[in-house]
Every structure is written in structure tokens, then in C-alpha cells.
C-alpha atoms as a PDB file:
ATOM      1  CA  MET A   1       0.000   0.000   0.000  1.00  0.00           C
ATOM      2  CA  GLY A   2       0.937   3.618  -0.316  1.00  0.00           C
ATOM      3  CA  GLY A   3       0.196   6.581  -2.493  1.00  0.00           C
ATOM      4  CA  ARG A   4      -0.427  10.287  -2.385  1.00  0.00           C
ATOM      5  CA  ILE A   5      -3.359  12.679  -1.971  1.00  0.00           C
ATOM      6  CA  ASP A   6      -3.016  16.247  -3.224  1.00  0.00           C
ATOM      7  CA  CYS A   7      -5.958  18.220  -1.849  1.00  0.00           C
ATOM      8  CA  TYR A   8      -6.785  21.582  -3.447  1.00  0.00           C
ATOM      9  CA  ILE A   9      -8.793  23.855  -1.148  1.00  0.00           C
ATOM     10  CA  ASP A  10     -10.003  27.410  -0.601  1.00  0.00           C
ATOM     11  CA  ILE A  11     -10.974  28.658   2.862  1.00  0.00           C
ATOM     12  CA  ALA A  12     -14.070  30.237   1.272  1.00  0.00           C
ATOM     13  CA  SER A  13     -15.306  26.730   0.405  1.00  0.00           C
ATOM     14  CA  LEU A  14     -17.334  25.004   3.123  1.00  0.00           C
ATOM     15  CA  TYR A  15     -16.742  21.550   1.706  1.00  0.00           C
ATOM     16  CA  SER A  16     -13.018  22.277   1.478  1.00  0.00           C
ATOM     17  CA  TYR A  17     -13.192  22.789   5.239  1.00  0.00           C
ATOM     18  CA  LEU A  18     -14.989  19.489   5.763  1.00  0.00           C
ATOM     19  CA  GLY A  19     -12.613  17.611   3.472  1.00  0.00           C
ATOM     20  CA  PHE A  20      -9.654  19.156   5.274  1.00  0.00           C
ATOM     21  CA  VAL A  21     -11.096  18.087   8.648  1.00  0.00           C
ATOM     22  CA  HIS A  22     -11.500  14.503   7.465  1.00  0.00           C
ATOM     23  CA  LEU A  23      -7.977  14.241   6.099  1.00  0.00           C
ATOM     24  CA  VAL A  24      -6.334  15.855   9.121  1.00  0.00           C
ATOM     25  CA  ASN A  25      -8.319  13.636  11.498  1.00  0.00           C
ATOM     26  CA  ASN A  26      -7.088  10.597   9.576  1.00  0.00           C
ATOM     27  CA  LEU A  27      -3.613  11.904   8.784  1.00  0.00           C
ATOM     28  CA  ASN A  28      -1.690   9.560  11.077  1.00  0.00           C
ATOM     29  CA  THR A  29      -3.612   6.507   9.885  1.00  0.00           C
ATOM     30  CA  LEU A  30      -3.140   7.439   6.245  1.00  0.00           C
ATOM     31  CA  GLU A  31       0.572   7.956   6.762  1.00  0.00           C
ATOM     32  CA  SER A  32       0.815   4.608   8.567  1.00  0.00           C
ATOM     33  CA  HIS A  33      -0.369   3.113   5.262  1.00  0.00           C
ATOM     34  CA  GLY A  34       2.333   5.017   3.401  1.00  0.00           C
ATOM     35  CA  VAL A  35      -0.024   7.638   1.949  1.00  0.00           C
ATOM     36  CA  LYS A  36       1.365  11.168   1.734  1.00  0.00           C
ATOM     37  CA  ILE A  37      -1.002  14.144   2.082  1.00  0.00           C
ATOM     38  CA  GLU A  38      -0.434  17.664   0.812  1.00  0.00           C
ATOM     39  CA  PHE A  39      -2.838  20.607   0.948  1.00  0.00           C
ATOM     40  CA  HIS A  40      -2.716  23.255  -1.773  1.00  0.00           C
ATOM     41  CA  PRO A  41      -4.488  26.602  -1.246  1.00  0.00           C
ATOM     42  CA  ILE A  42      -6.230  27.647  -4.468  1.00  0.00           C
ATOM     43  CA  LEU A  43      -8.489  30.478  -5.562  1.00  0.00           C
ATOM     44  CA  LEU A  44     -11.840  28.771  -6.070  1.00  0.00           C
ATOM     45  CA  GLY A  45     -13.291  31.732  -7.947  1.00  0.00           C
ATOM     46  CA  ALA A  46     -10.622  31.368 -10.627  1.00  0.00           C
ATOM     47  CA  VAL A  47     -11.261  27.626 -10.859  1.00  0.00           C
ATOM     48  CA  MET A  48     -14.993  28.220 -11.272  1.00  0.00           C
ATOM     49  CA  ALA A  49     -14.478  30.925 -13.886  1.00  0.00           C
ATOM     50  CA  ASN A  50     -11.932  28.999 -15.940  1.00  0.00           C
ATOM     51  CA  SER A  51     -13.901  25.741 -15.841  1.00  0.00           C
ATOM     52  CA  GLY A  52     -17.235  27.382 -16.667  1.00  0.00           C
ATOM     53  CA  ASN A  53     -18.793  26.258 -13.386  1.00  0.00           C
ATOM     54  CA  LYS A  54     -21.277  28.333 -11.373  1.00  0.00           C
ATOM     55  CA  PRO A  55     -21.908  28.578  -7.617  1.00  0.00           C
ATOM     56  CA  PRO A  56     -24.549  26.055  -6.492  1.00  0.00           C
ATOM     57  CA  TRP A  57     -26.742  28.789  -5.035  1.00  0.00           C
ATOM     58  CA  SER A  58     -27.091  30.369  -8.492  1.00  0.00           C
ATOM     59  CA  LEU A  59     -29.659  27.634  -9.217  1.00  0.00           C
ATOM     60  CA  LYS A  60     -32.663  27.986  -6.907  1.00  0.00           C
ATOM     61  CA  ALA A  61     -33.293  24.254  -6.562  1.00  0.00           C
ATOM     62  CA  LYS A  62     -29.656  23.631  -5.601  1.00  0.00           C
ATOM     63  CA  ALA A  63     -29.758  26.510  -3.138  1.00  0.00           C
ATOM     64  CA  ARG A  64     -32.855  25.092  -1.440  1.00  0.00           C
ATOM     65  CA  TYR A  65     -31.290  21.654  -1.198  1.00  0.00           C
ATOM     66  CA  GLY A  66     -27.971  23.064  -0.006  1.00  0.00           C
ATOM     67  CA  ALA A  67     -29.704  24.708   2.940  1.00  0.00           C
ATOM     68  CA  ILE A  68     -30.859  21.238   4.005  1.00  0.00           C
ATOM     69  CA  GLU A  69     -27.636  19.413   3.220  1.00  0.00           C
ATOM     70  CA  TRP A  70     -24.927  21.565   4.775  1.00  0.00           C
ATOM     71  CA  PRO A  71     -26.132  21.148   8.408  1.00  0.00           C
ATOM     72  CA  ARG A  72     -26.042  17.376   7.899  1.00  0.00           C
ATOM     73  CA  ALA A  73     -22.517  17.529   6.520  1.00  0.00           C
ATOM     74  CA  THR A  74     -21.160  19.831   9.217  1.00  0.00           C
ATOM     75  CA  ALA A  75     -22.666  17.719  12.000  1.00  0.00           C
ATOM     76  CA  GLN A  76     -21.178  14.569  10.468  1.00  0.00           C
ATOM     77  CA  ALA A  77     -17.764  16.256  10.361  1.00  0.00           C
ATOM     78  CA  GLY A  78     -17.989  17.281  14.014  1.00  0.00           C
ATOM     79  CA  ARG A  79     -18.301  20.981  13.190  1.00  0.00           C
ATOM     80  CA  PRO A  80     -21.921  21.793  14.173  1.00  0.00           C
ATOM     81  CA  ASP A  81     -20.956  25.394  15.005  1.00  0.00           C
ATOM     82  CA  ILE A  82     -20.419  26.248  11.332  1.00  0.00           C
ATOM     83  CA  ARG A  83     -22.720  28.932   9.930  1.00  0.00           C
ATOM     84  CA  PHE A  84     -22.860  30.542   6.492  1.00  0.00           C
ATOM     85  CA  PRO A  85     -21.770  34.190   6.449  1.00  0.00           C
ATOM     86  CA  ASP A  86     -24.509  36.666   5.583  1.00  0.00           C
ATOM     87  CA  ASN A  87     -22.223  38.299   3.014  1.00  0.00           C
ATOM     88  CA  LEU A  88     -20.469  35.243   1.595  1.00  0.00           C
ATOM     89  CA  MET A  89     -19.823  36.558  -1.913  1.00  0.00           C
ATOM     90  CA  PRO A  90     -17.699  39.616  -0.982  1.00  0.00           C
ATOM     91  CA  MET A  91     -15.969  37.568   1.717  1.00  0.00           C
ATOM     92  CA  ALA A  92     -15.089  34.829  -0.764  1.00  0.00           C
ATOM     93  CA  HIS A  93     -12.335  36.898  -2.412  1.00  0.00           C
ATOM     94  CA  THR A  94      -9.737  35.190  -0.240  1.00  0.00           C
ATOM     95  CA  VAL A  95      -6.626  36.123  -2.229  1.00  0.00           C
ATOM     96  CA  LEU A  96      -4.820  37.678   0.757  1.00  0.00           C
ATOM     97  CA  PRO A  97      -5.228  34.786   3.233  1.00  0.00           C
ATOM     98  CA  LEU A  98      -4.505  32.230   0.511  1.00  0.00           C
ATOM     99  CA  ARG A  99      -1.203  33.909  -0.365  1.00  0.00           C
ATOM    100  CA  ALA A 100      -0.418  34.109   3.341  1.00  0.00           C
ATOM    101  CA  LEU A 101      -1.079  30.377   3.638  1.00  0.00           C
ATOM    102  CA  HIS A 102       1.366  29.725   0.808  1.00  0.00           C
ATOM    103  CA  TYR A 103       3.958  31.760   2.706  1.00  0.00           C
ATOM    104  CA  ILE A 104       3.275  29.808   5.901  1.00  0.00           C
ATOM    105  CA  LYS A 105       3.500  26.529   4.008  1.00  0.00           C
ATOM    106  CA  ALA A 106       6.867  27.509   2.515  1.00  0.00           C
ATOM    107  CA  ASN A 107       8.419  28.894   5.706  1.00  0.00           C
ATOM    108  CA  HIS A 108       6.970  26.999   8.671  1.00  0.00           C
ATOM    109  CA  PRO A 109       6.603  23.353   9.741  1.00  0.00           C
ATOM    110  CA  ARG A 110       3.758  21.339   8.254  1.00  0.00           C
ATOM    111  CA  GLU A 111       2.010  21.155  11.624  1.00  0.00           C
ATOM    112  CA  THR A 112       1.938  24.956  11.797  1.00  0.00           C
ATOM    113  CA  PHE A 113       0.570  25.170   8.254  1.00  0.00           C
ATOM    114  CA  HIS A 114      -2.204  22.706   9.101  1.00  0.00           C
ATOM    115  CA  ALA A 115      -3.018  24.545  12.328  1.00  0.00           C
ATOM    116  CA  ALA A 116      -3.174  27.854  10.454  1.00  0.00           C
ATOM    117  CA  LEU A 117      -5.526  26.326   7.891  1.00  0.00           C
ATOM    118  CA  GLU A 118      -7.869  25.087  10.616  1.00  0.00           C
ATOM    119  CA  TYR A 119      -7.686  28.452  12.379  1.00  0.00           C
ATOM    120  CA  LEU A 120      -8.565  30.458   9.264  1.00  0.00           C
ATOM    121  CA  PHE A 121     -11.304  28.048   8.221  1.00  0.00           C
ATOM    122  CA  HIS A 122     -12.789  28.398  11.707  1.00  0.00           C
ATOM    123  CA  LYS A 123     -12.629  32.193  11.678  1.00  0.00           C
ATOM    124  CA  PHE A 124     -14.309  32.317   8.268  1.00  0.00           C
ATOM    125  CA  TRP A 125     -17.026  29.714   8.866  1.00  0.00           C
ATOM    126  CA  THR A 126     -18.099  30.243  12.478  1.00  0.00           C
ATOM    127  CA  PRO A 127     -19.793  33.304  14.004  1.00  0.00           C
ATOM    128  CA  PRO A 128     -19.009  36.139  13.797  1.00  0.00           C
ATOM    129  CA  ASN A 129     -17.707  34.963  10.380  1.00  0.00           C
ATOM    130  CA  LEU A 130     -14.805  37.350   9.946  1.00  0.00           C
ATOM    131  CA  ASN A 131     -14.120  38.848   6.531  1.00  0.00           C
ATOM    132  CA  LEU A 132     -10.551  37.710   5.937  1.00  0.00           C
ATOM    133  CA  SER A 133     -10.408  39.458   2.577  1.00  0.00           C
ATOM    134  CA  GLN A 134     -10.055  42.778   4.425  1.00  0.00           C
ATOM    135  CA  ALA A 135      -6.401  43.482   5.193  1.00  0.00           C
ATOM    136  CA  ASP A 136      -6.985  44.973   8.639  1.00  0.00           C
ATOM    137  CA  VAL A 137      -9.299  42.145   9.691  1.00  0.00           C
ATOM    138  CA  PHE A 138      -6.877  39.510   8.446  1.00  0.00           C
ATOM    139  CA  ALA A 139      -3.956  41.158  10.237  1.00  0.00           C
ATOM    140  CA  GLY A 140      -5.907  41.082  13.501  1.00  0.00           C
ATOM    141  CA  VAL A 141      -6.885  37.453  13.015  1.00  0.00           C
ATOM    142  CA  LEU A 142      -3.305  36.478  12.232  1.00  0.00           C
ATOM    143  CA  ALA A 143      -2.091  38.251  15.376  1.00  0.00           C
ATOM    144  CA  GLY A 144      -4.482  36.100  17.398  1.00  0.00           C
ATOM    145  CA  PHE A 145      -2.937  32.835  16.207  1.00  0.00           C
ATOM    146  CA  GLU A 146      -0.835  31.418  19.028  1.00  0.00           C
ATOM    147  CA  GLY A 147       1.704  29.881  16.671  1.00  0.00           C
ATOM    148  CA  PHE A 148       3.147  33.172  15.418  1.00  0.00           C
ATOM    149  CA  SER A 149       5.100  35.933  17.128  1.00  0.00           C
ATOM    150  CA  PRO A 150       4.440  39.582  16.165  1.00  0.00           C
ATOM    151  CA  ASP A 151       7.597  39.532  14.049  1.00  0.00           C
ATOM    152  CA  GLU A 152       6.462  36.379  12.242  1.00  0.00           C
ATOM    153  CA  CYS A 153       3.042  37.939  11.604  1.00  0.00           C
ATOM    154  CA  GLU A 154       4.718  40.921   9.962  1.00  0.00           C
ATOM    155  CA  LYS A 155       6.773  38.618   7.751  1.00  0.00           C
ATOM    156  CA  ILE A 156       3.678  36.638   6.759  1.00  0.00           C
ATOM    157  CA  LEU A 157       1.757  39.789   5.854  1.00  0.00           C
ATOM    158  CA  ALA A 158       4.700  41.087   3.836  1.00  0.00           C
ATOM    159  CA  GLY A 159       5.169  37.711   2.205  1.00  0.00           C
ATOM    160  CA  ALA A 160       1.512  37.578   1.196  1.00  0.00           C
ATOM    161  CA  LYS A 161       2.091  40.726  -0.872  1.00  0.00           C
ATOM    162  CA  SER A 162       5.219  39.400  -2.572  1.00  0.00           C
ATOM    163  CA  GLN A 163       5.366  38.327  -6.193  1.00  0.00           C
ATOM    164  CA  GLU A 164       6.648  34.948  -5.060  1.00  0.00           C
ATOM    165  CA  MET A 165       3.443  34.169  -3.159  1.00  0.00           C
ATOM    166  CA  LYS A 166       1.261  35.659  -5.884  1.00  0.00           C
ATOM    167  CA  ASP A 167       2.935  33.236  -8.278  1.00  0.00           C
ATOM    168  CA  ALA A 168       2.566  30.345  -5.817  1.00  0.00           C
ATOM    169  CA  LEU A 169      -1.203  30.858  -5.625  1.00  0.00           C
ATOM    170  CA  THR A 170      -1.428  31.148  -9.403  1.00  0.00           C
ATOM    171  CA  ARG A 171       0.551  27.923  -9.856  1.00  0.00           C
ATOM    172  CA  SER A 172      -1.518  25.917  -7.392  1.00  0.00           C
ATOM    173  CA  THR A 173      -4.763  27.145  -8.937  1.00  0.00           C
ATOM    174  CA  GLN A 174      -3.525  26.308 -12.429  1.00  0.00           C
ATOM    175  CA  SER A 175      -2.355  22.901 -11.219  1.00  0.00           C
ATOM    176  CA  ALA A 176      -5.876  22.150 -10.013  1.00  0.00           C
ATOM    177  CA  LEU A 177      -7.315  23.274 -13.350  1.00  0.00           C
ATOM    178  CA  ASP A 178      -4.786  21.137 -15.219  1.00  0.00           C
ATOM    179  CA  LYS A 179      -6.061  18.164 -13.206  1.00  0.00           C
ATOM    180  CA  GLY A 180      -9.643  18.828 -14.250  1.00  0.00           C
ATOM    181  CA  ALA A 181     -10.878  20.839 -11.265  1.00  0.00           C
ATOM    182  CA  PHE A 182     -14.202  22.653 -11.445  1.00  0.00           C
ATOM    183  CA  GLY A 183     -14.727  23.102  -7.693  1.00  0.00           C
ATOM    184  CA  ALA A 184     -13.227  22.386  -4.283  1.00  0.00           C
ATOM    185  CA  PRO A 185     -12.107  20.343  -2.556  1.00  0.00           C
ATOM    186  CA  TRP A 186     -10.430  18.751  -5.544  1.00  0.00           C
ATOM    187  CA  LEU A 187      -8.405  15.651  -4.750  1.00  0.00           C
ATOM    188  CA  TRP A 188      -5.779  14.248  -7.057  1.00  0.00           C
ATOM    189  CA  VAL A 189      -4.970  10.751  -5.835  1.00  0.00           C
ATOM    190  CA  ARG A 190      -2.126   8.491  -6.921  1.00  0.00           C
ATOM    191  CA  ASN A 191      -1.988   4.857  -5.796  1.00  0.00           C
ATOM    192  CA  ASP A 192       0.978   2.539  -5.349  1.00  0.00           C
ATOM    193  CA  LYS A 193       0.631   1.363  -8.958  1.00  0.00           C
ATOM    194  CA  GLY A 194       1.316   4.873 -10.200  1.00  0.00           C
ATOM    195  CA  GLU A 195      -2.284   5.337 -11.346  1.00  0.00           C
ATOM    196  CA  ALA A 196      -3.851   8.752 -10.697  1.00  0.00           C
ATOM    197  CA  GLU A 197      -7.497   9.828 -10.625  1.00  0.00           C
ATOM    198  CA  PRO A 198      -9.461  12.909  -9.508  1.00  0.00           C
ATOM    199  CA  PHE A 199     -12.091  12.936  -6.757  1.00  0.00           C
ATOM    200  CA  PHE A 200     -14.400  15.853  -6.001  1.00  0.00           C
ATOM    201  CA  GLY A 201     -16.003  16.770  -2.697  1.00  0.00           C
ATOM    202  CA  SER A 202     -15.738  15.996   0.992  1.00  0.00           C
ATOM    203  CA  ASP A 203     -17.847  12.818   0.922  1.00  0.00           C
ATOM    204  CA  ARG A 204     -15.949  10.648  -1.556  1.00  0.00           C
ATOM    205  CA  PHE A 205     -13.366   9.182   0.760  1.00  0.00           C
ATOM    206  CA  GLN A 206     -14.693   5.637   0.517  1.00  0.00           C
ATOM    207  CA  TYR A 207     -13.902   5.830  -3.203  1.00  0.00           C
ATOM    208  CA  VAL A 208     -10.493   7.352  -2.464  1.00  0.00           C
ATOM    209  CA  TYR A 209      -9.618   4.606   0.000  1.00  0.00           C
ATOM    210  CA  LYS A 210     -10.790   1.890  -2.364  1.00  0.00           C
ATOM    211  CA  PHE A 211      -8.658   3.378  -5.146  1.00  0.00           C
ATOM    212  CA  LEU A 212      -5.662   3.438  -2.794  1.00  0.00           C
ATOM    213  CA  GLY A 213      -6.289  -0.153  -1.728  1.00  0.00           C
ATOM    214  CA  LEU A 214      -6.712   0.782   1.939  1.00  0.00           C
ATOM    215  CA  PRO A 215      -8.836  -1.111   4.466  1.00  0.00           C
ATOM    216  CA  TYR A 216     -11.910   0.878   5.451  1.00  0.00           C
ATOM    217  CA  GLN A 217     -15.444   0.445   6.771  1.00  0.00           C
ATOM    218  CA  ASP A 218     -18.194   1.445   4.365  1.00  0.00           C
ATOM    219  CA  VAL A 219     -21.774   2.418   5.173  1.00  0.00           C
ATOM    220  CA  GLU A 220     -23.684  -0.697   6.181  1.00  0.00           C
ATOM    221  CA  LEU A 221     -27.412  -1.101   6.791  1.00  0.00           C
ATOM    222  CA  LEU A 222     -28.098  -3.361   9.773  1.00  0.00           C
ATOM    223  CA  PRO A 223     -31.052  -5.740  10.185  1.00  0.00           C
ATOM    224  CA  PRO A 224     -33.667  -5.175  12.923  1.00  0.00           C
ATOM    225  CA  GLY A 225     -32.021  -5.635  16.293  1.00  0.00           C
ATOM    226  CA  GLY A 226     -28.559  -4.897  14.931  1.00  0.00           C
ATOM    227  CA  ARG A 227     -26.206  -2.711  16.920  1.00  0.00           C
ATOM    228  CA  ALA A 228     -26.251   0.802  15.522  1.00  0.00           C
ATOM    229  CA  LYS A 229     -23.143   2.942  15.213  1.00  0.00           C
ATOM    230  CA  LEU A 230     -22.749   5.177  18.279  1.00  0.00           C
END
């Protein structure tokens, strides 16, 4: 067994958050099977525009269903405190925090990068749903992260404005598009045979694990009197 999962995510994407949570929660187990995980911050708006996709809420029927589905998904992921921002569209221009995440990824340990991802996802998706696209708001949020000193925060903010990090975000977004992405999370999975396939969404991991040849428990309907999952 073995393989690799490249996960392309944007903090403005709810299901990126849920996919990230699943992979981080299972990171040690995946690595015990020889599977490497890497998260790539991407600009979802650019992926949508270049692939011709549209936000699900632009279709009324999808929007109505989404309002029913997302509480189920967040509860299943152990994040019942998630709430949609009232002004999601202007908040979704997450260029600044995404470039900052690329800087953190390039200059800090992986554990710090993962912790920063979780922290920014949480700030975006839980009340009061902070608008991280605003430079002053993002600077304040970054200062509240326990993993960075004031000097490190200044370097991250400066790095997020650098051409190097602008290019890093462009490359990761283009990489996702080159792999067929039309939304997020977009997973590019390579197994131990060298075969690679894409997977879309935060609820496809049974397919991912099957493709990787990993042991896993699938959904199973029990007969009357069977012991339900607790």
C-alpha cells in the first residue's frame, strides 16, 4: 500500500473545510499506510471561472437543497458550530489569506501550516464569520494565532504581498485546473501502482480509499435488532 493525496482547497469553500477536517483527522492513519497528504491553497473563484462552473446557489433548486444538506454535513464532520456568512460573496475573495497560507507553508513546519488552515477556516465559517479578505481584519486574526510571534506575523503579511506568493497561488490554482478541477475540494490521488485519478467533494473518501487499496469500513445497513453505530 501507499500513495499520495493532493488536496486543493479554498478557505471560502465550506466543503473544502470538511474535506480538510476529514484528512487531518485521519492523517496519522493514512501515513501509517504510506499515503502522503499535501494541501494546496487555491483560488476557487478562478477555478470556477476557468472551468465554466457556477456557484450552487445560483440555481434555486440547488440553493434550497444546499440549505438542508450543509447542516447534515457539518454535523457529520464534528463541526456543528459552522454557519454561512450573511455576506459570503464579498468575503469569498480570499486572495490575501490564501497567499499568506502559501507563505506559511513555505516557511513553517507542516504542523503549523495545518493549524493555520484550521484556524482560518474556523474564523471564516463560524460566528461572527470574519471577513478575511479585508487586510486589517486579516492582520488582527493572524495576530491572534498562538503559533506566530508579532515579528512572524509581519513577515507573513509582507510575504503575502510578494510576487513569489502571488505566483505560488497562481501555480496551485492552475495545477488544479490542469487536473480537471471545477470546484473544491479537488483531490488528485495516486496509488501505489502509479495510477492517478481525480475525486471531487468531501464525501468521496470511501472511493479514495478503495482506489488506494486501503482497508476501510463502508456504510452498512443493519437488520432489525442490529447494533447501531454510536
